[in-house]
PDB file of N, CA and C in Angstrom:
ATOM      1  N   MET A   1     132.023  12.315 -47.098  1.00  0.00           N
ATOM      2  CA  MET A   1     132.090  13.437 -46.183  1.00  0.00           C
ATOM      3  C   MET A   1     132.610  12.931 -44.841  1.00  0.00           C
ATOM      4  N   ILE A   2     133.546  13.682 -44.262  1.00  0.00           N
ATOM      5  CA  ILE A   2     134.089  13.359 -42.944  1.00  0.00           C
ATOM      6  C   ILE A   2     134.176  14.637 -42.116  1.00  0.00           C
ATOM      7  N   VAL A   3     134.237  14.465 -40.801  1.00  0.00           N
ATOM      8  CA  VAL A   3     134.425  15.592 -39.889  1.00  0.00           C
ATOM      9  C   VAL A   3     135.649  15.296 -39.031  1.00  0.00           C
ATOM     10  N   ASP A   4     136.562  16.249 -38.990  1.00  0.00           N
ATOM     11  CA  ASP A   4     137.753  16.172 -38.156  1.00  0.00           C
ATOM     12  C   ASP A   4     137.443  16.957 -36.884  1.00  0.00           C
ATOM     13  N   GLN A   5     137.360  16.249 -35.753  1.00  0.00           N
ATOM     14  CA  GLN A   5     137.142  16.894 -34.462  1.00  0.00           C
ATOM     15  C   GLN A   5     138.483  16.964 -33.740  1.00  0.00           C
ATOM     16  N   ARG A   6     138.847  18.162 -33.331  1.00  0.00           N
ATOM     17  CA  ARG A   6     140.103  18.362 -32.611  1.00  0.00           C
ATOM     18  C   ARG A   6     139.787  18.938 -31.244  1.00  0.00           C
ATOM     19  N   ILE A   7     140.362  18.319 -30.229  1.00  0.00           N
ATOM     20  CA  ILE A   7     140.178  18.779 -28.856  1.00  0.00           C
ATOM     21  C   ILE A   7     141.565  19.048 -28.276  1.00  0.00           C
ATOM     22  N   TYR A   8     141.801  20.296 -27.940  1.00  0.00           N
ATOM     23  CA  TYR A   8     143.054  20.689 -27.308  1.00  0.00           C
ATOM     24  C   TYR A   8     142.762  20.995 -25.844  1.00  0.00           C
ATOM     25  N   THR A   9     143.372  20.258 -24.935  1.00  0.00           N
ATOM     26  CA  THR A   9     143.309  20.586 -23.514  1.00  0.00           C
ATOM     27  C   THR A   9     144.541  21.413 -23.208  1.00  0.00           C
ATOM     28  N   LEU A  10     144.291  22.640 -22.775  1.00  0.00           N
ATOM     29  CA  LEU A  10     145.377  23.586 -22.546  1.00  0.00           C
ATOM     30  C   LEU A  10     145.781  23.601 -21.079  1.00  0.00           C
ATOM     31  N   HIS A  11     146.975  24.083 -20.837  1.00  0.00           N
ATOM     32  CA  HIS A  11     147.404  24.303 -19.456  1.00  0.00           C
ATOM     33  C   HIS A  11     146.498  25.382 -18.857  1.00  0.00           C
ATOM     34  N   PRO A  12     146.189  25.292 -17.558  1.00  0.00           N
ATOM     35  CA  PRO A  12     145.306  26.291 -16.942  1.00  0.00           C
ATOM     36  C   PRO A  12     145.765  27.720 -17.232  1.00  0.00           C
ATOM     37  N   GLY A  13     144.801  28.555 -17.550  1.00  0.00           N
ATOM     38  CA  GLY A  13     145.058  29.968 -17.811  1.00  0.00           C
ATOM     39  C   GLY A  13     145.442  30.300 -19.235  1.00  0.00           C
ATOM     40  N   LYS A  14     145.549  29.302 -20.118  1.00  0.00           N
ATOM     41  CA  LYS A  14     146.019  29.543 -21.485  1.00  0.00           C
ATOM     42  C   LYS A  14     144.896  29.730 -22.504  1.00  0.00           C
ATOM     43  N   VAL A  15     143.641  29.486 -22.120  1.00  0.00           N
ATOM     44  CA  VAL A  15     142.542  29.632 -23.083  1.00  0.00           C
ATOM     45  C   VAL A  15     142.467  31.060 -23.632  1.00  0.00           C
ATOM     46  N   PRO A  16     142.539  32.106 -22.796  1.00  0.00           N
ATOM     47  CA  PRO A  16     142.485  33.465 -23.361  1.00  0.00           C
ATOM     48  C   PRO A  16     143.586  33.740 -24.384  1.00  0.00           C
ATOM     49  N   GLU A  17     144.782  33.212 -24.145  1.00  0.00           N
ATOM     50  CA  GLU A  17     145.898  33.392 -25.082  1.00  0.00           C
ATOM     51  C   GLU A  17     145.572  32.740 -26.427  1.00  0.00           C
ATOM     52  N   TRP A  18     145.022  31.522 -26.381  1.00  0.00           N
ATOM     53  CA  TRP A  18     144.654  30.792 -27.603  1.00  0.00           C
ATOM     54  C   TRP A  18     143.574  31.563 -28.364  1.00  0.00           C
ATOM     55  N   VAL A  19     142.534  31.968 -27.652  1.00  0.00           N
ATOM     56  CA  VAL A  19     141.423  32.689 -28.284  1.00  0.00           C
ATOM     57  C   VAL A  19     141.925  33.994 -28.905  1.00  0.00           C
ATOM     58  N   ALA A  20     142.795  34.701 -28.217  1.00  0.00           N
ATOM     59  CA  ALA A  20     143.337  35.957 -28.758  1.00  0.00           C
ATOM     60  C   ALA A  20     144.133  35.711 -30.034  1.00  0.00           C
ATOM     61  N   ALA A  21     144.958  34.680 -30.041  1.00  0.00           N
ATOM     62  CA  ALA A  21     145.763  34.392 -31.238  1.00  0.00           C
ATOM     63  C   ALA A  21     144.880  34.024 -32.424  1.00  0.00           C
ATOM     64  N   MET A  22     143.835  33.266 -32.164  1.00  0.00           N
ATOM     65  CA  MET A  22     142.933  32.894 -33.264  1.00  0.00           C
ATOM     66  C   MET A  22     142.100  34.088 -33.711  1.00  0.00           C
ATOM     67  N   THR A  23     141.689  34.921 -32.771  1.00  0.00           N
ATOM     68  CA  THR A  23     140.908  36.121 -33.098  1.00  0.00           C
ATOM     69  C   THR A  23     141.739  37.121 -33.895  1.00  0.00           C
ATOM     70  N   ASN A  24     143.001  37.239 -33.534  1.00  0.00           N
ATOM     71  CA  ASN A  24     143.882  38.240 -34.140  1.00  0.00           C
ATOM     72  C   ASN A  24     144.679  37.713 -35.324  1.00  0.00           C
ATOM     73  N   GLY A  25     144.078  36.863 -36.103  1.00  0.00           N
ATOM     74  CA  GLY A  25     144.722  36.447 -37.339  1.00  0.00           C
ATOM     75  C   GLY A  25     144.767  34.964 -37.597  1.00  0.00           C
ATOM     76  N   GLY A  26     144.809  34.141 -36.569  1.00  0.00           N
ATOM     77  CA  GLY A  26     144.929  32.697 -36.775  1.00  0.00           C
ATOM     78  C   GLY A  26     143.770  32.103 -37.558  1.00  0.00           C
ATOM     79  N   PHE A  27     142.555  32.431 -37.148  1.00  0.00           N
ATOM     80  CA  PHE A  27     141.392  31.871 -37.834  1.00  0.00           C
ATOM     81  C   PHE A  27     141.285  32.407 -39.261  1.00  0.00           C
ATOM     82  N   ALA A  28     141.660  33.655 -39.469  1.00  0.00           N
ATOM     83  CA  ALA A  28     141.614  34.246 -40.808  1.00  0.00           C
ATOM     84  C   ALA A  28     142.564  33.541 -41.769  1.00  0.00           C
ATOM     85  N   ILE A  29     143.630  32.945 -41.258  1.00  0.00           N
ATOM     86  CA  ILE A  29     144.543  32.160 -42.090  1.00  0.00           C
ATOM     87  C   ILE A  29     143.990  30.751 -42.279  1.00  0.00           C
ATOM     88  N   GLN A  30     143.531  30.169 -41.203  1.00  0.00           N
ATOM     89  CA  GLN A  30     143.099  28.776 -41.185  1.00  0.00           C
ATOM     90  C   GLN A  30     141.828  28.539 -42.001  1.00  0.00           C
ATOM     91  N   GLN A  31     140.823  29.356 -41.820  1.00  0.00           N
ATOM     92  CA  GLN A  31     139.498  29.090 -42.379  1.00  0.00           C
ATOM     93  C   GLN A  31     139.460  29.014 -43.904  1.00  0.00           C
ATOM     94  N   PRO A  32     140.063  29.944 -44.641  1.00  0.00           N
ATOM     95  CA  PRO A  32     139.972  29.844 -46.100  1.00  0.00           C
ATOM     96  C   PRO A  32     140.631  28.581 -46.659  1.00  0.00           C
ATOM     97  N   VAL A  33     141.642  28.080 -45.975  1.00  0.00           N
ATOM     98  CA  VAL A  33     142.346  26.896 -46.453  1.00  0.00           C
ATOM     99  C   VAL A  33     141.582  25.629 -46.090  1.00  0.00           C
ATOM    100  N   LEU A  34     141.181  25.519 -44.825  1.00  0.00           N
ATOM    101  CA  LEU A  34     140.500  24.305 -44.384  1.00  0.00           C
ATOM    102  C   LEU A  34     139.040  24.258 -44.832  1.00  0.00           C
ATOM    103  N   GLY A  35     138.433  25.418 -45.031  1.00  0.00           N
ATOM    104  CA  GLY A  35     137.103  25.450 -45.635  1.00  0.00           C
ATOM    105  C   GLY A  35     135.938  25.404 -44.682  1.00  0.00           C
ATOM    106  N   ARG A  36     135.400  24.243 -44.455  1.00  0.00           N
ATOM    107  CA  ARG A  36     134.129  24.098 -43.741  1.00  0.00           C
ATOM    108  C   ARG A  36     134.325  24.021 -42.223  1.00  0.00           C
ATOM    109  N   CYS A  37     134.397  25.152 -41.572  1.00  0.00           N
ATOM    110  CA  CYS A  37     134.439  25.154 -40.110  1.00  0.00           C
ATOM    111  C   CYS A  37     133.022  24.913 -39.618  1.00  0.00           C
ATOM    112  N   MET A  38     132.848  23.843 -38.878  1.00  0.00           N
ATOM    113  CA  MET A  38     131.531  23.485 -38.361  1.00  0.00           C
ATOM    114  C   MET A  38     131.363  23.952 -36.920  1.00  0.00           C
ATOM    115  N   GLY A  39     132.386  24.544 -36.370  1.00  0.00           N
ATOM    116  CA  GLY A  39     132.298  25.091 -35.025  1.00  0.00           C
ATOM    117  C   GLY A  39     133.653  25.187 -34.365  1.00  0.00           C
ATOM    118  N   TYR A  40     133.794  26.215 -33.540  1.00  0.00           N
ATOM    119  CA  TYR A  40     135.005  26.450 -32.744  1.00  0.00           C
ATOM    120  C   TYR A  40     134.505  26.794 -31.351  1.00  0.00           C
ATOM    121  N   TYR A  41     134.844  25.996 -30.357  1.00  0.00           N
ATOM    122  CA  TYR A  41     134.227  26.103 -29.043  1.00  0.00           C
ATOM    123  C   TYR A  41     135.262  26.136 -27.927  1.00  0.00           C
ATOM    124  N   VAL A  42     134.860  26.709 -26.799  1.00  0.00           N
ATOM    125  CA  VAL A  42     135.636  26.707 -25.563  1.00  0.00           C
ATOM    126  C   VAL A  42     134.778  26.006 -24.519  1.00  0.00           C
ATOM    127  N   SER A  43     135.366  25.066 -23.782  1.00  0.00           N
ATOM    128  CA  SER A  43     134.581  24.322 -22.789  1.00  0.00           C
ATOM    129  C   SER A  43     134.206  25.213 -21.612  1.00  0.00           C
ATOM    130  N   GLU A  44     133.014  25.013 -21.099  1.00  0.00           N
ATOM    131  CA  GLU A  44     132.504  25.766 -19.956  1.00  0.00           C
ATOM    132  C   GLU A  44     132.202  24.837 -18.784  1.00  0.00           C
ATOM    133  N   PHE A  45     131.738  23.630 -19.069  1.00  0.00           N
ATOM    134  CA  PHE A  45     131.456  22.614 -18.051  1.00  0.00           C
ATOM    135  C   PHE A  45     132.174  21.334 -18.448  1.00  0.00           C
ATOM    136  N   GLY A  46     132.280  20.399 -17.512  1.00  0.00           N
ATOM    137  CA  GLY A  46     133.000  19.156 -17.792  1.00  0.00           C
ATOM    138  C   GLY A  46     134.486  19.436 -17.786  1.00  0.00           C
ATOM    139  N   PRO A  47     135.247  18.739 -18.637  1.00  0.00           N
ATOM    140  CA  PRO A  47     136.689  19.031 -18.698  1.00  0.00           C
ATOM    141  C   PRO A  47     136.913  20.490 -19.107  1.00  0.00           C
ATOM    142  N   LEU A  48     137.665  21.207 -18.312  1.00  0.00           N
ATOM    143  CA  LEU A  48     137.885  22.631 -18.562  1.00  0.00           C
ATOM    144  C   LEU A  48     139.174  22.857 -19.339  1.00  0.00           C
ATOM    145  N   ASN A  49     139.381  24.089 -19.742  1.00  0.00           N
ATOM    146  CA  ASN A  49     140.588  24.508 -20.466  1.00  0.00           C
ATOM    147  C   ASN A  49     140.695  23.803 -21.811  1.00  0.00           C
ATOM    148  N   GLN A  50     139.544  23.584 -22.447  1.00  0.00           N
ATOM    149  CA  GLN A  50     139.564  22.898 -23.741  1.00  0.00           C
ATOM    150  C   GLN A  50     139.087  23.806 -24.865  1.00  0.00           C
ATOM    151  N   ILE A  51     139.751  23.644 -25.993  1.00  0.00           N
ATOM    152  CA  ILE A  51     139.350  24.239 -27.262  1.00  0.00           C
ATOM    153  C   ILE A  51     138.918  23.072 -28.136  1.00  0.00           C
ATOM    154  N   VAL A  52     137.722  23.155 -28.690  1.00  0.00           N
ATOM    155  CA  VAL A  52     137.205  22.091 -29.553  1.00  0.00           C
ATOM    156  C   VAL A  52     136.813  22.731 -30.883  1.00  0.00           C
ATOM    157  N   HIS A  53     137.304  22.152 -31.983  1.00  0.00           N
ATOM    158  CA  HIS A  53     136.858  22.643 -33.282  1.00  0.00           C
ATOM    159  C   HIS A  53     136.597  21.479 -34.222  1.00  0.00           C
ATOM    160  N   LEU A  54     135.663  21.726 -35.133  1.00  0.00           N
ATOM    161  CA  LEU A  54     135.194  20.718 -36.077  1.00  0.00           C
ATOM    162  C   LEU A  54     135.343  21.265 -37.488  1.00  0.00           C
ATOM    163  N   TRP A  55     135.918  20.431 -38.366  1.00  0.00           N
ATOM    164  CA  TRP A  55     136.123  20.827 -39.758  1.00  0.00           C
ATOM    165  C   TRP A  55     135.572  19.729 -40.664  1.00  0.00           C
ATOM    166  N   GLY A  56     134.813  20.110 -41.679  1.00  0.00           N
ATOM    167  CA  GLY A  56     134.257  19.153 -42.618  1.00  0.00           C
ATOM    168  C   GLY A  56     135.091  19.058 -43.886  1.00  0.00           C
ATOM    169  N   TYR A  57     135.246  17.827 -44.370  1.00  0.00           N
ATOM    170  CA  TYR A  57     136.007  17.574 -45.588  1.00  0.00           C
ATOM    171  C   TYR A  57     135.251  16.600 -46.472  1.00  0.00           C
ATOM    172  N   ASP A  58     135.531  16.659 -47.758  1.00  0.00           N
ATOM    173  CA  ASP A  58     134.900  15.739 -48.706  1.00  0.00           C
ATOM    174  C   ASP A  58     135.421  14.319 -48.542  1.00  0.00           C
ATOM    175  N   SER A  59     136.689  14.169 -48.153  1.00  0.00           N
ATOM    176  CA  SER A  59     137.317  12.852 -48.071  1.00  0.00           C
ATOM    177  C   SER A  59     138.611  12.974 -47.263  1.00  0.00           C
ATOM    178  N   LEU A  60     139.236  11.837 -46.988  1.00  0.00           N
ATOM    179  CA  LEU A  60     140.545  11.859 -46.332  1.00  0.00           C
ATOM    180  C   LEU A  60     141.580  12.562 -47.200  1.00  0.00           C
ATOM    181  N   GLU A  61     141.473  12.372 -48.505  1.00  0.00           N
ATOM    182  CA  GLU A  61     142.415  13.019 -49.426  1.00  0.00           C
ATOM    183  C   GLU A  61     142.245  14.535 -49.394  1.00  0.00           C
ATOM    184  N   ASP A  62     140.988  15.001 -49.356  1.00  0.00           N
ATOM    185  CA  ASP A  62     140.706  16.432 -49.266  1.00  0.00           C
ATOM    186  C   ASP A  62     141.293  16.995 -47.974  1.00  0.00           C
ATOM    187  N   ARG A  63     141.084  16.291 -46.869  1.00  0.00           N
ATOM    188  CA  ARG A  63     141.633  16.717 -45.575  1.00  0.00           C
ATOM    189  C   ARG A  63     143.156  16.806 -45.640  1.00  0.00           C
ATOM    190  N   ALA A  64     143.798  15.769 -46.149  1.00  0.00           N
ATOM    191  CA  ALA A  64     145.261  15.739 -46.213  1.00  0.00           C
ATOM    192  C   ALA A  64     145.803  16.894 -47.058  1.00  0.00           C
ATOM    193  N   ALA A  65     145.176  17.153 -48.192  1.00  0.00           N
ATOM    194  CA  ALA A  65     145.634  18.231 -49.074  1.00  0.00           C
ATOM    195  C   ALA A  65     145.475  19.595 -48.412  1.00  0.00           C
ATOM    196  N   ARG A  66     144.339  19.816 -47.775  1.00  0.00           N
ATOM    197  CA  ARG A  66     144.087  21.109 -47.132  1.00  0.00           C
ATOM    198  C   ARG A  66     145.019  21.333 -45.943  1.00  0.00           C
ATOM    199  N   ARG A  67     145.255  20.293 -45.152  1.00  0.00           N
ATOM    200  CA  ARG A  67     146.138  20.433 -43.995  1.00  0.00           C
ATOM    201  C   ARG A  67     147.583  20.651 -44.451  1.00  0.00           C
ATOM    202  N   ALA A  68     147.983  20.000 -45.544  1.00  0.00           N
ATOM    203  CA  ALA A  68     149.333  20.227 -46.091  1.00  0.00           C
ATOM    204  C   ALA A  68     149.468  21.666 -46.575  1.00  0.00           C
ATOM    205  N   GLU A  69     148.434  22.179 -47.224  1.00  0.00           N
ATOM    206  CA  GLU A  69     148.470  23.575 -47.683  1.00  0.00           C
ATOM    207  C   GLU A  69     148.593  24.530 -46.498  1.00  0.00           C
ATOM    208  N   LEU A  70     147.843  24.264 -45.434  1.00  0.00           N
ATOM    209  CA  LEU A  70     147.918  25.117 -44.251  1.00  0.00           C
ATOM    210  C   LEU A  70     149.330  25.112 -43.666  1.00  0.00           C
ATOM    211  N   ARG A  71     149.945  23.941 -43.592  1.00  0.00           N
ATOM    212  CA  ARG A  71     151.313  23.845 -43.057  1.00  0.00           C
ATOM    213  C   ARG A  71     152.340  24.565 -43.920  1.00  0.00           C
ATOM    214  N   SER A  72     151.996  24.853 -45.172  1.00  0.00           N
ATOM    215  CA  SER A  72     152.935  25.543 -46.065  1.00  0.00           C
ATOM    216  C   SER A  72     152.893  27.066 -45.906  1.00  0.00           C
ATOM    217  N   ILE A  73     152.016  27.571 -45.053  1.00  0.00           N
ATOM    218  CA  ILE A  73     151.852  29.017 -44.879  1.00  0.00           C
ATOM    219  C   ILE A  73     152.696  29.472 -43.678  1.00  0.00           C
ATOM    220  N   PRO A  74     153.748  30.248 -43.909  1.00  0.00           N
ATOM    221  CA  PRO A  74     154.630  30.659 -42.808  1.00  0.00           C
ATOM    222  C   PRO A  74     153.901  31.362 -41.660  1.00  0.00           C
ATOM    223  N   ALA A  75     152.954  32.221 -41.963  1.00  0.00           N
ATOM    224  CA  ALA A  75     152.240  32.942 -40.901  1.00  0.00           C
ATOM    225  C   ALA A  75     151.455  31.975 -40.016  1.00  0.00           C
ATOM    226  N   TRP A  76     150.892  30.903 -40.604  1.00  0.00           N
ATOM    227  CA  TRP A  76     150.188  29.905 -39.799  1.00  0.00           C
ATOM    228  C   TRP A  76     151.177  29.155 -38.908  1.00  0.00           C
ATOM    229  N   ASN A  77     152.321  28.805 -39.449  1.00  0.00           N
ATOM    230  CA  ASN A  77     153.321  28.080 -38.663  1.00  0.00           C
ATOM    231  C   ASN A  77     153.800  28.903 -37.469  1.00  0.00           C
ATOM    232  N   GLU A  78     153.901  30.212 -37.644  1.00  0.00           N
ATOM    233  CA  GLU A  78     154.290  31.074 -36.528  1.00  0.00           C
ATOM    234  C   GLU A  78     153.240  31.048 -35.429  1.00  0.00           C
ATOM    235  N   ILE A  79     151.978  31.142 -35.817  1.00  0.00           N
ATOM    236  CA  ILE A  79     150.897  31.102 -34.824  1.00  0.00           C
ATOM    237  C   ILE A  79     150.853  29.736 -34.147  1.00  0.00           C
ATOM    238  N   ARG A  80     150.939  28.677 -34.932  1.00  0.00           N
ATOM    239  CA  ARG A  80     150.923  27.319 -34.370  1.00  0.00           C
ATOM    240  C   ARG A  80     152.072  27.131 -33.385  1.00  0.00           C
ATOM    241  N   ASP A  81     153.263  27.570 -33.760  1.00  0.00           N
ATOM    242  CA  ASP A  81     154.422  27.419 -32.885  1.00  0.00           C
ATOM    243  C   ASP A  81     154.276  28.235 -31.597  1.00  0.00           C
ATOM    244  N   GLN A  82     153.589  29.358 -31.693  1.00  0.00           N
ATOM    245  CA  GLN A  82     153.324  30.187 -30.515  1.00  0.00           C
ATOM    246  C   GLN A  82     152.336  29.489 -29.579  1.00  0.00           C
ATOM    247  N   LEU A  83     151.363  28.789 -30.132  1.00  0.00           N
ATOM    248  CA  LEU A  83     150.305  28.185 -29.314  1.00  0.00           C
ATOM    249  C   LEU A  83     150.623  26.794 -28.780  1.00  0.00           C
ATOM    250  N   MET A  84     151.442  26.032 -29.461  1.00  0.00           N
ATOM    251  CA  MET A  84     151.664  24.638 -29.058  1.00  0.00           C
ATOM    252  C   MET A  84     152.201  24.471 -27.635  1.00  0.00           C
ATOM    253  N   PRO A  85     153.036  25.373 -27.096  1.00  0.00           N
ATOM    254  CA  PRO A  85     153.458  25.194 -25.707  1.00  0.00           C
ATOM    255  C   PRO A  85     152.297  25.263 -24.702  1.00  0.00           C
ATOM    256  N   ALA A  86     151.177  25.864 -25.094  1.00  0.00           N
ATOM    257  CA  ALA A  86     150.006  25.947 -24.210  1.00  0.00           C
ATOM    258  C   ALA A  86     149.250  24.626 -24.140  1.00  0.00           C
ATOM    259  N   VAL A  87     149.527  23.708 -25.066  1.00  0.00           N
ATOM    260  CA  VAL A  87     148.773  22.455 -25.158  1.00  0.00           C
ATOM    261  C   VAL A  87     149.319  21.421 -24.180  1.00  0.00           C
ATOM    262  N   HIS A  88     148.426  20.925 -23.351  1.00  0.00           N
ATOM    263  CA  HIS A  88     148.761  19.837 -22.429  1.00  0.00           C
ATOM    264  C   HIS A  88     148.474  18.493 -23.085  1.00  0.00           C
ATOM    265  N   HIS A  89     147.372  18.420 -23.842  1.00  0.00           N
ATOM    266  CA  HIS A  89     146.929  17.160 -24.453  1.00  0.00           C
ATOM    267  C   HIS A  89     146.116  17.483 -25.705  1.00  0.00           C
ATOM    268  N   GLN A  90     146.248  16.651 -26.720  1.00  0.00           N
ATOM    269  CA  GLN A  90     145.491  16.834 -27.960  1.00  0.00           C
ATOM    270  C   GLN A  90     144.816  15.529 -28.335  1.00  0.00           C
ATOM    271  N   GLU A  91     143.554  15.629 -28.784  1.00  0.00           N
ATOM    272  CA  GLU A  91     142.818  14.486 -29.317  1.00  0.00           C
ATOM    273  C   GLU A  91     142.292  14.862 -30.693  1.00  0.00           C
ATOM    274  N   ASN A  92     142.371  13.948 -31.623  1.00  0.00           N
ATOM    275  CA  ASN A  92     141.764  14.120 -32.938  1.00  0.00           C
ATOM    276  C   ASN A  92     140.837  12.940 -33.169  1.00  0.00           C
ATOM    277  N   ARG A  93     139.658  13.234 -33.688  1.00  0.00           N
ATOM    278  CA  ARG A  93     138.711  12.180 -34.020  1.00  0.00           C
ATOM    279  C   ARG A  93     138.240  12.392 -35.447  1.00  0.00           C
ATOM    280  N   LEU A  94     138.108  11.309 -36.159  1.00  0.00           N
ATOM    281  CA  LEU A  94     137.529  11.340 -37.493  1.00  0.00           C
ATOM    282  C   LEU A  94     136.095  10.849 -37.359  1.00  0.00           C
ATOM    283  N   LEU A  95     135.142  11.713 -37.655  1.00  0.00           N
ATOM    284  CA  LEU A  95     133.731  11.398 -37.486  1.00  0.00           C
ATOM    285  C   LEU A  95     133.068  11.219 -38.845  1.00  0.00           C
ATOM    286  N   LEU A  96     132.242  10.200 -38.945  1.00  0.00           N
ATOM    287  CA  LEU A  96     131.451   9.944 -40.147  1.00  0.00           C
ATOM    288  C   LEU A  96     129.986  10.177 -39.808  1.00  0.00           C
ATOM    289  N   PRO A  97     129.263  10.940 -40.625  1.00  0.00           N
ATOM    290  CA  PRO A  97     127.864  11.202 -40.309  1.00  0.00           C
ATOM    291  C   PRO A  97     127.004   9.956 -40.507  1.00  0.00           C
ATOM    292  N   ALA A  98     126.029   9.804 -39.626  1.00  0.00           N
ATOM    293  CA  ALA A  98     125.055   8.728 -39.795  1.00  0.00           C
ATOM    294  C   ALA A  98     124.213   9.033 -41.027  1.00  0.00           C
ATOM    295  N   ASP A  99     123.838   8.015 -41.766  1.00  0.00           N
ATOM    296  CA  ASP A  99     123.086   8.201 -43.007  1.00  0.00           C
ATOM    297  C   ASP A  99     121.808   9.008 -42.815  1.00  0.00           C
ATOM    298  N   PHE A 100     121.168   8.893 -41.665  1.00  0.00           N
ATOM    299  CA  PHE A 100     119.886   9.569 -41.453  1.00  0.00           C
ATOM    300  C   PHE A 100     120.043  11.032 -41.057  1.00  0.00           C
ATOM    301  N   ALA A 101     121.274  11.508 -40.852  1.00  0.00           N
ATOM    302  CA  ALA A 101     121.467  12.880 -40.356  1.00  0.00           C
ATOM    303  C   ALA A 101     122.637  13.590 -41.004  1.00  0.00           C
ATOM    304  N   LYS A 102     122.815  13.428 -42.294  1.00  0.00           N
ATOM    305  CA  LYS A 102     123.908  14.121 -42.975  1.00  0.00           C
ATOM    306  C   LYS A 102     123.598  15.616 -43.054  1.00  0.00           C
ATOM    307  N   PRO A 103     124.607  16.451 -42.857  1.00  0.00           N
ATOM    308  CA  PRO A 103     124.379  17.909 -42.895  1.00  0.00           C
ATOM    309  C   PRO A 103     123.821  18.362 -44.248  1.00  0.00           C
ATOM    310  N   ALA A 104     122.639  18.931 -44.220  1.00  0.00           N
ATOM    311  CA  ALA A 104     121.982  19.380 -45.453  1.00  0.00           C
ATOM    312  C   ALA A 104     122.752  20.491 -46.139  1.00  0.00           C
ATOM    313  N   ALA A 105     123.464  21.300 -45.371  1.00  0.00           N
ATOM    314  CA  ALA A 105     124.206  22.418 -45.959  1.00  0.00           C
ATOM    315  C   ALA A 105     125.307  21.947 -46.883  1.00  0.00           C
ATOM    316  N   TRP A 106     125.701  20.685 -46.808  1.00  0.00           N
ATOM    317  CA  TRP A 106     126.752  20.179 -47.668  1.00  0.00           C
ATOM    318  C   TRP A 106     126.190  19.650 -48.970  1.00  0.00           C
ATOM    319  N   GLY A 107     124.883  19.701 -49.138  1.00  0.00           N
ATOM    320  CA  GLY A 107     124.289  19.200 -50.363  1.00  0.00           C
ATOM    321  C   GLY A 107     124.297  17.673 -50.459  1.00  0.00           C
ATOM    322  N   VAL A 108     124.346  17.006 -49.323  1.00  0.00           N
ATOM    323  CA  VAL A 108     124.363  15.561 -49.291  1.00  0.00           C
ATOM    324  C   VAL A 108     122.950  15.057 -49.028  1.00  0.00           C
ATOM    325  N   ARG A 109     122.568  14.019 -49.758  1.00  0.00           N
ATOM    326  CA  ARG A 109     121.228  13.440 -49.536  1.00  0.00           C
ATOM    327  C   ARG A 109     121.322  12.156 -48.783  1.00  0.00           C
TER     328      ARG A 109
END
């Protein structure tokens, strides 16, 4: 099990545009393909203008296959292409759960 954490720092004033695009169809395309959304957040304190989302995968291979499938969807590519100019900086982290705190909802012991 792995968690893909993505942090997008947007240009000032672009968070509402991002949220609207995801609300109006983006998330509905993304979620069924990527599967386990563990959270989608907007920063309120600390570094501002950030979108943070977490996705759970069974393995690196599972992640790669799901992300490739998402990239094959024309409607997703249109939304992504619309949003990418708003991005100032992007960070991706691959997180591994500590053995003592694996998410129970995933059926992991």
